[in-house]
Amino acid sequence: MLEVIVNKIAGNNSREIKVIYLYRYLSWVFTSIFYLFDSRTKYLLFKIGVIIILFITSKIVTDLYARYSNNSKAVKSLVLTETAGISLLLIPTGGLDSPFIWYAMNPVLVSASFLTGLFCWFNLVFYLAVSTSISYFIFNAEKNTAIKILSVNSHLILIFILMTLGLQLLSRLAHELNNERNNLRERNYQLAEANEKIKESMEHIMSLYQAVEMFSAQDSREKLMNTIIYYAKELTKSRSLFFKQSGLNNSNRIITCGDISPDIHLLIERELSNIPEMKELDKNIVHIRIQNRIFAVSVVKSASRLFGILGVEMDEFQENDYLYKKLFSFLTELSAVILERLYLEEIAQKLAVTEEQNRIANEMHDSVSQRLFSISCAIHTLVAKHSKLSDTELRDQLIRIMENSNMAMKELRSTIYKLSSKKQGRRPFLSDIKDYLDSIAKLNNVDVSFKCSGDEDLLTGAVKKAIYRIIAESTGNSVKHGKCSEINIELNVKNTCTELIIKDNGKGFIVEDAGKRNGLGINNIKRLVNSFNGSLNIDSAPEKGTCIRINIPNGNLVTLDEGGLVV
């Protein structure tokens, strides 16, 4: 009960202050009780007055201790003042025989808690000297010497010494325990910080996954580089970033993202020109300073070719951050791998086109071309000899020419059908979407419905890729973050525009807060829609699901500025 009262009085002070509060009020209670029943003073009102005044003084002094506990000079002054006050309290209450002599352990406790051991012993000696002097000059009816008084009260002095020593030891133990608690708190903080870094690393990994998925949708180096620097900025949380192209169609221009104005380009060029030959940099990170801003730069290169230099702005404390450097090195290596992959894909596509052209040419030559040549020869012969042929022979020749023409047409039509998925009745775009939705429904036990209307041939290949990515991104968010059990998707392809509606019954979220998060899911969708000059509307609320409406104009592809995402 008393501890509860002390907690209310002490408030949010430290444990040491709370202990001082508790000991002070306990010592006040017990010394006051003994003083009330002391027969040497017979005036009850006087006793009550002394007890009340002592309580008020104790409250004031303890509050001052709590306020100035971090100021050693102020605490010393308060301890000496209180010690002198307690010594004076002995005059009206009986000197060394007063119950309040034990109340002097309060400043001793404060000295042991907040001051040095030497001062604590000095304060004890000061108190014993003053109290002994009071007994010698005021309460010495037998005219004893000072040594006699000390001898008679030696047991009190011994108790004071032992209690002071015990308080010092307890205070030292309390400080050690407090240090251990602080160390434990620091370790817990470090563990929490490590967990946050792990979570952040997981976010980076997920972002990298999304980035790689996005990279696969790019169809040119220029667009891919814009996407690389955007994602590099997101992953490093950097304020700005640049990429200086090299060996790309003899282009050496600088692509920037973030807080880099055009007038800084020349400064970047000048600083980069002072760096040794880029090939000599290998995978080392070099720091350059541009207008009091520090940029970490490193080459983006594969085993066979150099793509350019990537520069990321960093804070001064990040300049020697090992994890930050490893992340930056990983980004340059990832960028090189992706650019090399695109280069190889371009070669593979060219080879595939050439191979398909040769196949079609051989097929046309071996079948249709030969029949057409035979028909041409037959017609030439018929023109030269038609006057010598009878009507029956002429009719037979024309029938054979017609049959060969029909065979040539069939072979040509067969070749066309082999090349055209539409002629075969196949719709790979819609099939790929349905296969993906079937997979996500089975893996996550979610009901997914997909409806499509209109002619998908109105959509370009780039728009189809974007729609597929939007559906994948949205449904992934609905399952992972929304915890939904039902997803409805509608795709309406019209003559002028394409409308995509994705609705789920998940937890929903506050749309205004979505842009403040570090997640890249919604940002991916926004940038995909903006890259085609489309419109995006997200309607969501907590516990009310989410509905995404997207409208993309058909045949109106728009490229973003530098740093933007283009599909």
Protein backbone atom coordinates (compact mmCIF):
# COMPACT_ATOMS: atom_id res chain seq x y z
CA MET A 1 0.00 0.00 0.00
CA LEU A 2 2.78 2.39 1.00
CA GLU A 3 4.72 1.52 -2.16
CA VAL A 4 1.69 2.38 -4.29
CA ILE A 5 1.43 5.74 -2.55
CA VAL A 6 5.15 6.36 -3.06
CA ASN A 7 4.87 5.50 -6.78
CA LYS A 8 2.11 8.06 -7.11
CA ILE A 9 4.17 10.67 -5.25
CA ALA A 10 7.48 9.87 -6.98
CA GLY A 11 5.90 9.77 -10.44
CA ASN A 12 8.22 8.80 -13.30
CA ASN A 13 11.48 9.30 -11.39
CA SER A 14 14.31 6.75 -11.36
CA ARG A 15 14.33 3.72 -9.11
CA GLU A 16 16.98 5.34 -6.89
CA ILE A 17 14.69 8.31 -6.23
CA LYS A 18 11.75 5.98 -5.53
CA VAL A 19 13.86 4.06 -3.00
CA ILE A 20 14.79 7.35 -1.33
CA TYR A 21 11.12 8.34 -1.21
CA LEU A 22 10.15 4.96 0.27
CA TYR A 23 12.94 4.89 2.90
CA ARG A 24 12.34 8.51 3.87
CA TYR A 25 8.62 8.01 4.53
CA LEU A 26 9.17 4.70 6.33
CA SER A 27 11.84 6.25 8.54
CA TRP A 28 9.56 9.24 9.18
CA VAL A 29 6.69 6.93 10.22
CA PHE A 30 8.71 4.77 12.62
CA THR A 31 10.76 7.57 14.19
CA SER A 32 7.59 9.62 14.62
CA ILE A 33 5.82 6.73 16.36
CA PHE A 34 8.70 6.27 18.81
CA TYR A 35 8.84 10.02 19.37
CA LEU A 36 5.09 10.18 20.13
CA PHE A 37 5.44 7.55 22.85
CA ASP A 38 8.66 9.02 24.30
CA SER A 39 7.88 10.02 27.93
CA ARG A 40 10.63 12.63 28.18
CA THR A 41 8.57 15.17 26.24
CA LYS A 42 5.06 15.54 27.61
CA TYR A 43 3.59 18.12 25.27
CA LEU A 44 1.58 16.13 22.69
CA LEU A 45 0.74 19.13 20.51
CA PHE A 46 4.41 20.04 20.36
CA LYS A 47 5.25 16.48 19.26
CA ILE A 48 2.57 16.52 16.59
CA GLY A 49 3.82 19.89 15.37
CA VAL A 50 7.40 18.56 15.09
CA ILE A 51 6.21 15.49 13.19
CA ILE A 52 4.13 17.56 10.72
CA ILE A 53 6.95 20.05 10.14
CA LEU A 54 9.37 17.13 9.59
CA PHE A 55 7.00 15.57 7.03
CA ILE A 56 6.63 18.82 5.07
CA THR A 57 10.37 19.38 5.16
CA SER A 58 10.99 15.80 4.02
CA LYS A 59 8.63 16.18 1.07
CA ILE A 60 10.30 19.44 -0.02
CA VAL A 61 13.84 18.10 0.35
CA THR A 62 13.06 14.82 -1.44
CA ASP A 63 11.46 16.69 -4.34
CA LEU A 64 14.60 18.81 -4.58
CA TYR A 65 16.70 15.63 -4.67
CA ALA A 66 14.53 14.30 -7.51
CA ARG A 67 14.85 17.56 -9.45
CA TYR A 68 18.62 17.99 -9.08
CA SER A 69 19.71 14.34 -8.97
CA ASN A 70 21.95 14.86 -12.01
CA ASN A 71 23.68 17.90 -10.47
CA SER A 72 26.28 16.67 -7.98
CA LYS A 73 27.01 20.13 -6.55
CA ALA A 74 23.34 20.75 -5.83
CA VAL A 75 22.99 17.30 -4.23
CA LYS A 76 26.03 17.93 -2.00
CA SER A 77 24.56 21.22 -0.84
CA LEU A 78 21.21 19.58 -0.11
CA VAL A 79 22.84 16.70 1.79
CA LEU A 80 24.87 19.03 4.00
CA THR A 81 21.88 21.28 4.58
CA GLU A 82 19.65 18.35 5.50
CA THR A 83 22.32 16.88 7.77
CA ALA A 84 22.63 20.18 9.59
CA GLY A 85 18.81 20.42 9.82
CA ILE A 86 18.50 16.93 11.31
CA SER A 87 21.26 17.77 13.79
CA LEU A 88 19.32 20.86 14.87
CA LEU A 89 16.20 18.69 15.17
CA LEU A 90 17.97 16.79 17.95
CA ILE A 91 17.94 19.91 20.20
CA PRO A 92 14.19 19.95 20.95
CA THR A 93 13.81 16.17 20.74
CA GLY A 94 16.53 14.88 23.11
CA GLY A 95 19.96 14.97 21.50
CA LEU A 96 21.61 11.57 20.98
CA ASP A 97 18.70 9.99 22.82
CA SER A 98 16.20 11.35 20.27
CA PRO A 99 14.45 8.79 18.01
CA PHE A 100 15.14 11.14 15.10
CA ILE A 101 18.85 10.40 15.31
CA TRP A 102 18.14 7.47 13.00
CA TYR A 103 16.46 9.81 10.53
CA ALA A 104 19.99 10.93 9.61
CA MET A 105 20.36 7.77 7.53
CA ASN A 106 18.35 9.55 4.81
CA PRO A 107 21.16 11.92 3.69
CA VAL A 108 23.58 8.98 4.07
CA LEU A 109 21.44 6.98 1.65
CA VAL A 110 21.40 9.91 -0.79
CA SER A 111 25.19 10.27 -0.52
CA ALA A 112 25.71 6.55 -1.15
CA SER A 113 23.38 6.65 -4.17
CA PHE A 114 24.51 9.80 -5.99
CA LEU A 115 27.83 10.95 -4.54
CA THR A 116 31.28 9.55 -3.94
CA GLY A 117 32.15 7.25 -1.05
CA LEU A 118 34.54 9.84 0.37
CA PHE A 119 31.79 12.47 0.59
CA CYS A 120 29.45 9.91 2.15
CA TRP A 121 31.93 9.26 4.99
CA PHE A 122 32.61 12.97 5.35
CA ASN A 123 28.89 13.62 5.74
CA LEU A 124 28.63 10.88 8.41
CA VAL A 125 31.57 12.33 10.36
CA PHE A 126 30.04 15.79 10.07
CA TYR A 127 26.71 14.54 11.44
CA LEU A 128 28.28 12.60 14.32
CA ALA A 129 30.43 15.59 15.22
CA VAL A 130 27.50 18.02 15.24
CA SER A 131 25.18 15.66 17.17
CA THR A 132 27.91 14.90 19.71
CA SER A 133 28.56 18.61 20.14
CA ILE A 134 24.85 19.21 20.78
CA SER A 135 24.84 16.49 23.45
CA TYR A 136 28.02 17.88 24.98
CA PHE A 137 26.90 21.48 25.21
CA ILE A 138 23.13 21.12 25.75
CA PHE A 139 22.34 17.68 27.18
CA ASN A 140 25.46 17.16 29.33
CA ALA A 141 24.02 17.54 32.83
CA GLU A 142 26.72 15.25 34.29
CA LYS A 143 29.51 17.35 32.77
CA ASN A 144 31.03 14.41 30.90
CA THR A 145 33.89 14.94 28.54
CA ALA A 146 33.43 14.59 24.79
CA ILE A 147 35.41 11.35 24.88
CA LYS A 148 33.13 10.03 27.60
CA ILE A 149 30.05 10.91 25.56
CA LEU A 150 31.51 9.14 22.50
CA SER A 151 32.38 6.14 24.66
CA VAL A 152 28.88 5.91 26.09
CA ASN A 153 27.33 6.15 22.61
CA SER A 154 29.95 4.01 20.86
CA HIS A 155 27.30 1.42 19.96
CA LEU A 156 25.37 4.13 18.04
CA ILE A 157 28.51 5.21 16.23
CA LEU A 158 29.30 1.58 15.33
CA ILE A 159 25.76 1.05 14.03
CA PHE A 160 26.01 4.23 11.93
CA ILE A 161 29.35 3.10 10.48
CA LEU A 162 28.07 -0.39 9.66
CA MET A 163 24.83 0.94 8.19
CA THR A 164 26.76 3.44 6.05
CA LEU A 165 29.08 0.70 4.86
CA GLY A 166 26.09 -1.52 4.10
CA LEU A 167 24.32 1.25 2.20
CA GLN A 168 27.44 1.90 0.14
CA LEU A 169 27.75 -1.77 -0.73
CA LEU A 170 24.06 -2.01 -1.58
CA SER A 171 24.31 1.16 -3.64
CA ARG A 172 27.30 -0.23 -5.54
CA LEU A 173 25.42 -3.47 -6.14
CA ALA A 174 22.39 -1.50 -7.30
CA HIS A 175 24.58 0.48 -9.73
CA GLU A 176 26.07 -2.73 -11.09
CA LEU A 177 22.62 -4.25 -11.50
CA ASN A 178 21.47 -1.05 -13.17
CA ASN A 179 24.45 -1.21 -15.53
CA GLU A 180 23.62 -4.83 -16.29
CA ARG A 181 20.03 -3.84 -16.95
CA ASN A 182 21.21 -1.03 -19.22
CA ASN A 183 23.55 -3.41 -21.01
CA LEU A 184 20.69 -5.88 -21.39
CA ARG A 185 18.48 -3.10 -22.69
CA GLU A 186 21.25 -2.10 -25.10
CA ARG A 187 21.60 -5.69 -26.28
CA ASN A 188 17.84 -5.91 -26.72
CA TYR A 189 17.98 -2.67 -28.67
CA GLN A 190 20.77 -4.07 -30.83
CA LEU A 191 18.76 -7.25 -31.38
CA ALA A 192 15.71 -5.17 -32.30
CA GLU A 193 17.87 -3.11 -34.63
CA ALA A 194 19.27 -6.30 -36.15
CA ASN A 195 15.72 -7.60 -36.62
CA GLU A 196 14.79 -4.34 -38.32
CA LYS A 197 17.79 -4.72 -40.62
CA ILE A 198 16.73 -8.30 -41.35
CA LYS A 199 13.22 -7.08 -42.15
CA GLU A 200 14.67 -4.33 -44.30
CA SER A 201 16.87 -6.88 -46.05
CA MET A 202 13.82 -9.03 -46.68
CA GLU A 203 12.08 -5.99 -48.14
CA HIS A 204 15.14 -5.46 -50.33
CA ILE A 205 15.01 -9.07 -51.47
CA MET A 206 11.30 -8.77 -52.30
CA SER A 207 11.98 -5.49 -54.07
CA LEU A 208 14.77 -7.12 -56.04
CA TYR A 209 12.39 -9.90 -57.00
CA GLN A 210 9.86 -7.33 -58.19
CA ALA A 211 12.60 -5.43 -59.96
CA VAL A 212 13.83 -8.50 -61.83
CA GLU A 213 10.24 -9.32 -62.78
CA MET A 214 9.85 -5.77 -64.08
CA PHE A 215 13.13 -5.96 -65.97
CA SER A 216 11.87 -8.97 -67.87
CA ALA A 217 9.09 -6.76 -69.28
CA GLN A 218 11.52 -4.22 -70.80
CA ASP A 219 12.24 -4.39 -74.50
CA SER A 220 15.11 -1.91 -74.96
CA ARG A 221 18.33 -0.99 -73.21
CA GLU A 222 17.29 2.62 -72.79
CA LYS A 223 14.08 1.69 -71.02
CA LEU A 224 15.84 -0.93 -68.95
CA MET A 225 18.45 1.55 -67.72
CA ASN A 226 15.72 3.96 -66.62
CA THR A 227 14.17 1.15 -64.61
CA ILE A 228 17.52 0.07 -63.13
CA ILE A 229 18.32 3.48 -61.67
CA TYR A 230 14.77 3.86 -60.32
CA TYR A 231 14.96 0.58 -58.43
CA ALA A 232 18.53 1.26 -57.32
CA LYS A 233 17.29 4.49 -55.75
CA GLU A 234 14.44 2.66 -53.99
CA LEU A 235 16.66 -0.12 -52.67
CA THR A 236 19.46 2.13 -51.39
CA LYS A 237 17.01 4.74 -50.01
CA SER A 238 19.30 7.28 -51.61
CA ARG A 239 18.30 10.87 -52.35
CA SER A 240 19.71 10.79 -55.88
CA LEU A 241 21.44 8.49 -58.33
CA PHE A 242 22.99 8.66 -61.80
CA PHE A 243 24.10 6.26 -64.51
CA LYS A 244 26.67 7.27 -67.13
CA GLN A 245 26.27 5.12 -70.19
CA SER A 246 29.31 3.78 -71.99
CA GLY A 247 29.61 1.79 -75.16
CA LEU A 248 25.85 1.89 -75.76
CA ASN A 249 25.37 2.90 -79.38
CA ASN A 250 28.32 5.28 -78.82
CA SER A 251 26.18 7.15 -76.28
CA ASN A 252 27.83 8.70 -73.23
CA ARG A 253 24.89 10.64 -71.81
CA ILE A 254 24.00 10.58 -68.12
CA ILE A 255 20.66 9.28 -66.85
CA THR A 256 19.68 10.72 -63.47
CA CYS A 257 17.06 9.96 -60.86
CA GLY A 258 16.22 12.04 -57.81
CA ASP A 259 17.60 15.37 -56.69
CA ILE A 260 20.09 16.03 -59.48
CA SER A 261 19.60 19.17 -61.57
CA PRO A 262 20.82 19.34 -65.20
CA ASP A 263 23.61 21.80 -64.32
CA ILE A 264 25.26 19.11 -62.18
CA HIS A 265 25.77 16.86 -65.23
CA LEU A 266 28.92 18.74 -66.24
CA LEU A 267 30.29 18.45 -62.70
CA ILE A 268 29.63 14.70 -62.76
CA GLU A 269 31.38 14.41 -66.14
CA ARG A 270 34.38 16.33 -64.80
CA GLU A 271 34.66 14.26 -61.62
CA LEU A 272 34.31 10.99 -63.53
CA SER A 273 36.99 12.10 -65.98
CA ASN A 274 39.43 12.33 -63.05
CA ILE A 275 38.83 8.66 -62.22
CA PRO A 276 41.26 6.17 -63.84
CA GLU A 277 40.18 4.20 -66.87
CA MET A 278 36.85 2.59 -66.06
CA LYS A 279 38.11 -0.87 -66.90
CA GLU A 280 40.81 -0.47 -64.25
CA LEU A 281 38.19 0.23 -61.57
CA ASP A 282 36.94 -3.32 -61.83
CA LYS A 283 34.45 -3.77 -58.93
CA ASN A 284 36.01 -1.22 -56.56
CA ILE A 285 33.89 1.58 -55.10
CA VAL A 286 35.24 5.12 -55.45
CA HIS A 287 33.80 8.15 -53.62
CA ILE A 288 33.53 11.50 -55.38
CA ARG A 289 32.34 14.80 -53.94
CA ILE A 290 30.08 17.10 -55.95
CA GLN A 291 28.86 20.32 -54.31
CA ASN A 292 29.41 18.91 -50.80
CA ARG A 293 27.50 15.76 -51.75
CA ILE A 294 29.18 12.36 -51.59
CA PHE A 295 28.55 9.84 -54.39
CA ALA A 296 29.72 6.24 -54.39
CA VAL A 297 30.54 5.21 -57.96
CA SER A 298 31.40 1.85 -59.46
CA VAL A 299 31.50 0.34 -62.93
CA VAL A 300 28.71 -1.79 -64.31
CA LYS A 301 30.44 -4.39 -66.44
CA SER A 302 30.23 -8.02 -67.38
CA ALA A 303 33.05 -10.33 -68.37
CA SER A 304 32.78 -9.23 -72.00
CA ARG A 305 31.60 -5.62 -72.06
CA LEU A 306 31.41 -2.35 -70.17
CA PHE A 307 27.95 -0.79 -69.73
CA GLY A 308 28.74 2.35 -67.72
CA ILE A 309 29.21 3.84 -64.25
CA LEU A 310 26.58 3.78 -61.51
CA GLY A 311 26.67 6.52 -58.87
CA VAL A 312 24.62 6.62 -55.66
CA GLU A 313 24.51 9.54 -53.23
CA MET A 314 25.23 8.55 -49.64
CA ASP A 315 25.45 10.21 -46.24
CA GLU A 316 28.79 10.67 -44.51
CA PHE A 317 28.05 7.96 -41.95
CA GLN A 318 27.33 5.53 -44.82
CA GLU A 319 30.70 6.15 -46.43
CA ASN A 320 32.32 3.42 -44.31
CA ASP A 321 29.19 1.30 -43.84
CA TYR A 322 30.12 -2.26 -44.82
CA LEU A 323 26.53 -3.41 -45.41
CA TYR A 324 25.78 -0.35 -47.53
CA LYS A 325 28.87 -0.99 -49.66
CA LYS A 326 27.90 -4.64 -50.09
CA LEU A 327 24.41 -3.64 -51.18
CA PHE A 328 25.82 -1.13 -53.66
CA SER A 329 28.27 -3.70 -55.06
CA PHE A 330 25.44 -6.19 -55.37
CA LEU A 331 23.39 -3.61 -57.30
CA THR A 332 26.17 -3.01 -59.80
CA GLU A 333 26.62 -6.76 -60.30
CA LEU A 334 22.86 -7.26 -60.65
CA SER A 335 22.66 -4.42 -63.17
CA ALA A 336 25.49 -5.93 -65.19
CA VAL A 337 23.81 -9.36 -65.17
CA ILE A 338 20.47 -7.90 -66.30
CA LEU A 339 22.03 -5.78 -69.05
CA GLU A 340 24.06 -8.75 -70.23
CA ARG A 341 20.91 -10.85 -70.17
CA LEU A 342 19.13 -8.27 -72.32
CA TYR A 343 22.05 -8.23 -74.73
CA LEU A 344 21.96 -12.02 -75.03
CA GLU A 345 18.19 -11.97 -75.44
CA GLU A 346 18.54 -9.47 -78.27
CA ILE A 347 21.02 -11.78 -79.98
CA ALA A 348 18.77 -14.79 -79.33
CA GLN A 349 15.78 -12.94 -80.77
CA LYS A 350 17.73 -11.94 -83.86
CA LEU A 351 18.90 -15.54 -84.30
CA ALA A 352 15.36 -16.81 -83.75
CA VAL A 353 13.96 -14.37 -86.31
CA THR A 354 16.68 -15.29 -88.80
CA GLU A 355 16.10 -18.99 -88.23
CA GLU A 356 12.33 -18.59 -88.62
CA GLN A 357 12.83 -16.56 -91.80
CA ASN A 358 15.08 -19.27 -93.20
CA ARG A 359 12.56 -21.96 -92.23
CA ILE A 360 9.70 -20.12 -93.88
CA ALA A 361 11.85 -19.42 -96.94
CA ASN A 362 12.86 -23.09 -97.24
CA GLU A 363 9.29 -24.24 -96.71
CA MET A 364 7.97 -21.79 -99.30
CA HIS A 365 10.76 -22.75 -101.69
CA ASP A 366 10.28 -26.49 -101.30
CA SER A 367 6.50 -26.47 -101.61
CA VAL A 368 4.66 -23.36 -102.76
CA SER A 369 7.49 -21.98 -104.88
CA GLN A 370 7.94 -25.28 -106.75
CA ARG A 371 4.22 -25.59 -107.44
CA LEU A 372 4.01 -21.99 -108.62
CA PHE A 373 6.99 -22.62 -110.87
CA SER A 374 5.28 -25.72 -112.28
CA ILE A 375 2.08 -23.75 -112.84
CA SER A 376 4.05 -20.97 -114.55
CA CYS A 377 5.76 -23.50 -116.87
CA ALA A 378 2.44 -25.20 -117.63
CA ILE A 379 0.77 -21.89 -118.49
CA HIS A 380 3.76 -20.93 -120.66
CA THR A 381 3.51 -24.25 -122.55
CA LEU A 382 -0.26 -23.88 -122.87
CA VAL A 383 0.12 -20.39 -124.35
CA ALA A 384 2.65 -21.68 -126.91
CA LYS A 385 0.65 -24.80 -127.96
CA HIS A 386 -2.97 -23.90 -127.32
CA SER A 387 -3.71 -23.58 -131.04
CA LYS A 388 -2.57 -27.16 -131.62
CA LEU A 389 -4.58 -28.64 -128.76
CA SER A 390 -8.07 -29.89 -128.99
CA ASP A 391 -10.76 -28.63 -126.66
CA THR A 392 -10.51 -31.79 -124.54
CA GLU A 393 -6.72 -31.54 -124.20
CA LEU A 394 -6.97 -27.84 -123.42
CA ARG A 395 -9.59 -28.52 -120.76
CA ASP A 396 -7.41 -31.27 -119.17
CA GLN A 397 -4.41 -28.92 -119.04
CA LEU A 398 -6.46 -26.19 -117.36
CA ILE A 399 -7.82 -28.68 -114.85
CA ARG A 400 -4.25 -29.77 -113.93
CA ILE A 401 -3.19 -26.11 -113.58
CA MET A 402 -6.22 -25.48 -111.36
CA GLU A 403 -5.42 -28.51 -109.18
CA ASN A 404 -1.80 -27.37 -108.75
CA SER A 405 -3.03 -23.88 -107.89
CA ASN A 406 -5.34 -25.31 -105.25
CA MET A 407 -2.49 -27.40 -103.80
CA ALA A 408 -0.26 -24.31 -103.68
CA MET A 409 -3.02 -22.38 -101.95
CA LYS A 410 -3.48 -25.16 -99.39
CA GLU A 411 0.23 -25.34 -98.66
CA LEU A 412 0.41 -21.54 -98.33
CA ARG A 413 -2.66 -21.55 -96.08
CA SER A 414 -1.09 -24.33 -93.95
CA THR A 415 2.06 -22.28 -93.49
CA ILE A 416 0.01 -19.21 -92.51
CA TYR A 417 -2.00 -21.23 -89.97
CA LYS A 418 1.21 -22.55 -88.42
CA LEU A 419 2.44 -18.99 -87.86
CA SER A 420 -0.84 -17.47 -86.67
CA SER A 421 -2.16 -18.31 -83.21
CA LYS A 422 -5.39 -16.46 -84.03
CA LYS A 423 -6.00 -18.68 -87.06
CA GLN A 424 -5.54 -21.71 -84.81
CA GLY A 425 -8.08 -20.37 -82.32
CA ARG A 426 -5.46 -19.98 -79.59
CA ARG A 427 -5.33 -16.88 -77.32
CA PRO A 428 -1.98 -17.11 -75.48
CA PHE A 429 -2.38 -13.77 -73.67
CA LEU A 430 -5.62 -14.78 -71.97
CA SER A 431 -4.35 -18.33 -71.44
CA ASP A 432 -1.28 -17.07 -69.60
CA ILE A 433 -3.43 -14.88 -67.33
CA LYS A 434 -5.83 -17.76 -66.58
CA ASP A 435 -2.95 -20.14 -65.86
CA TYR A 436 -1.45 -17.62 -63.41
CA LEU A 437 -4.78 -17.02 -61.67
CA ASP A 438 -5.47 -20.76 -61.43
CA SER A 439 -2.07 -21.24 -59.84
CA ILE A 440 -2.51 -18.46 -57.25
CA ALA A 441 -6.02 -19.73 -56.43
CA LYS A 442 -4.83 -23.27 -55.76
CA LEU A 443 -1.71 -22.27 -53.81
CA ASN A 444 -3.52 -19.82 -51.53
CA ASN A 445 -7.01 -21.38 -51.36
CA VAL A 446 -8.60 -18.27 -52.86
CA ASP A 447 -11.62 -18.06 -55.18
CA VAL A 448 -10.55 -16.16 -58.30
CA SER A 449 -12.90 -15.22 -61.15
CA PHE A 450 -11.70 -13.71 -64.45
CA LYS A 451 -13.88 -12.21 -67.16
CA CYS A 452 -12.65 -10.75 -70.44
CA SER A 453 -14.58 -9.00 -73.17
CA GLY A 454 -13.45 -7.36 -76.40
CA ASP A 455 -10.75 -8.06 -78.96
CA GLU A 456 -7.32 -8.64 -77.47
CA ASP A 457 -5.76 -7.91 -80.86
CA LEU A 458 -6.35 -4.22 -80.14
CA LEU A 459 -3.68 -4.45 -77.46
CA THR A 460 0.01 -4.05 -78.26
CA GLY A 461 2.53 -6.51 -76.90
CA ALA A 462 3.78 -3.90 -74.42
CA VAL A 463 0.28 -3.26 -73.06
CA LYS A 464 -0.32 -7.00 -72.71
CA LYS A 465 2.86 -7.33 -70.67
CA ALA A 466 1.83 -4.41 -68.49
CA ILE A 467 -1.68 -5.81 -67.88
CA TYR A 468 -0.23 -9.19 -66.95
CA ARG A 469 2.18 -7.53 -64.48
CA ILE A 470 -0.59 -5.37 -62.98
CA ILE A 471 -2.80 -8.41 -62.44
CA ALA A 472 0.09 -10.35 -60.90
CA GLU A 473 1.07 -7.44 -58.63
CA SER A 474 -2.49 -6.72 -57.50
CA THR A 475 -3.50 -10.30 -56.81
CA GLY A 476 -0.20 -10.90 -55.00
CA ASN A 477 -0.91 -7.91 -52.72
CA SER A 478 -4.50 -9.07 -52.18
CA VAL A 479 -3.36 -12.49 -51.02
CA LYS A 480 -0.24 -11.48 -49.09
CA HIS A 481 -1.32 -8.23 -47.42
CA GLY A 482 -5.10 -8.24 -47.80
CA LYS A 483 -5.58 -11.84 -46.60
CA CYS A 484 -8.56 -12.08 -48.93
CA SER A 485 -10.60 -15.16 -49.80
CA GLU A 486 -12.09 -13.89 -53.07
CA ILE A 487 -10.74 -11.93 -56.04
CA ASN A 488 -12.77 -10.75 -59.05
CA ILE A 489 -11.04 -9.52 -62.21
CA GLU A 490 -12.67 -7.92 -65.25
CA LEU A 491 -10.81 -6.98 -68.44
CA ASN A 492 -12.80 -4.98 -71.00
CA VAL A 493 -10.97 -4.23 -74.26
CA LYS A 494 -12.78 -1.47 -76.16
CA ASN A 495 -11.96 0.32 -79.38
CA THR A 496 -10.62 3.42 -77.64
CA CYS A 497 -9.47 2.15 -74.27
CA THR A 498 -8.91 -0.89 -72.08
CA GLU A 499 -10.54 -1.11 -68.66
CA LEU A 500 -9.19 -3.38 -65.91
CA ILE A 501 -11.04 -3.88 -62.60
CA ILE A 502 -9.53 -5.91 -59.76
CA LYS A 503 -11.60 -6.33 -56.59
CA ASP A 504 -10.99 -8.36 -53.42
CA ASN A 505 -12.71 -8.87 -50.05
CA GLY A 506 -9.52 -8.52 -47.97
CA LYS A 507 -8.56 -6.34 -45.03
CA GLY A 508 -8.15 -3.20 -47.10
CA PHE A 509 -6.01 -0.22 -46.14
CA ILE A 510 -5.95 3.56 -45.92
CA VAL A 511 -5.17 4.74 -49.44
CA GLU A 512 -3.58 8.01 -48.26
CA ASP A 513 -1.05 6.06 -46.19
CA ALA A 514 -0.07 3.73 -49.03
CA GLY A 515 2.22 6.29 -50.65
CA LYS A 516 4.14 6.80 -47.38
CA ARG A 517 5.20 3.16 -47.19
CA ASN A 518 8.40 1.77 -48.63
CA GLY A 519 6.70 -1.09 -50.46
CA LEU A 520 7.04 -1.07 -54.23
CA GLY A 521 3.84 -2.94 -55.16
CA ILE A 522 1.47 0.02 -55.60
CA ASN A 523 4.32 2.13 -57.02
CA ASN A 524 4.89 -0.56 -59.67
CA ILE A 525 1.23 -0.42 -60.69
CA LYS A 526 1.22 3.39 -60.79
CA ARG A 527 4.31 3.58 -62.93
CA LEU A 528 3.03 0.90 -65.30
CA VAL A 529 -0.27 2.73 -65.75
CA ASN A 530 1.42 6.13 -66.11
CA SER A 531 3.78 4.75 -68.74
CA PHE A 532 0.75 4.35 -71.03
CA ASN A 533 -0.87 7.66 -70.05
CA GLY A 534 -3.57 5.72 -68.24
CA SER A 535 -5.59 6.47 -65.12
CA LEU A 536 -5.60 4.60 -61.81
CA ASN A 537 -8.19 4.71 -59.04
CA ILE A 538 -7.83 2.76 -55.80
CA ASP A 539 -10.86 2.47 -53.54
CA SER A 540 -10.13 0.83 -50.20
CA ALA A 541 -10.82 1.10 -46.48
CA PRO A 542 -9.86 -1.04 -43.47
CA GLU A 543 -11.91 -4.25 -43.30
CA LYS A 544 -13.82 -3.30 -46.48
CA GLY A 545 -11.64 -4.79 -49.21
CA THR A 546 -9.96 -3.10 -52.15
CA CYS A 547 -11.08 -2.19 -55.66
CA ILE A 548 -8.57 -1.08 -58.32
CA ARG A 549 -9.85 0.52 -61.54
CA ILE A 550 -7.43 1.11 -64.40
CA ASN A 551 -8.09 2.73 -67.76
CA ILE A 552 -5.47 2.60 -70.52
CA PRO A 553 -5.96 4.31 -73.91
CA ASN A 554 -5.46 1.94 -76.84
CA GLY A 555 -2.76 2.82 -79.32
CA ASN A 556 -1.40 5.70 -77.23
CA LEU A 557 1.94 4.67 -75.78
CA VAL A 558 3.70 7.41 -73.85
CA THR A 559 7.32 7.34 -72.67
CA LEU A 560 8.19 8.80 -69.29
CA ASP A 561 11.00 11.23 -68.58
CA GLU A 562 14.40 10.01 -67.48
CA GLY A 563 14.25 7.85 -64.45
CA GLY A 564 10.74 6.64 -65.26
CA LEU A 565 9.55 3.17 -66.07
CA VAL A 566 8.79 2.40 -69.68
CA VAL A 567 7.38 -0.90 -70.88
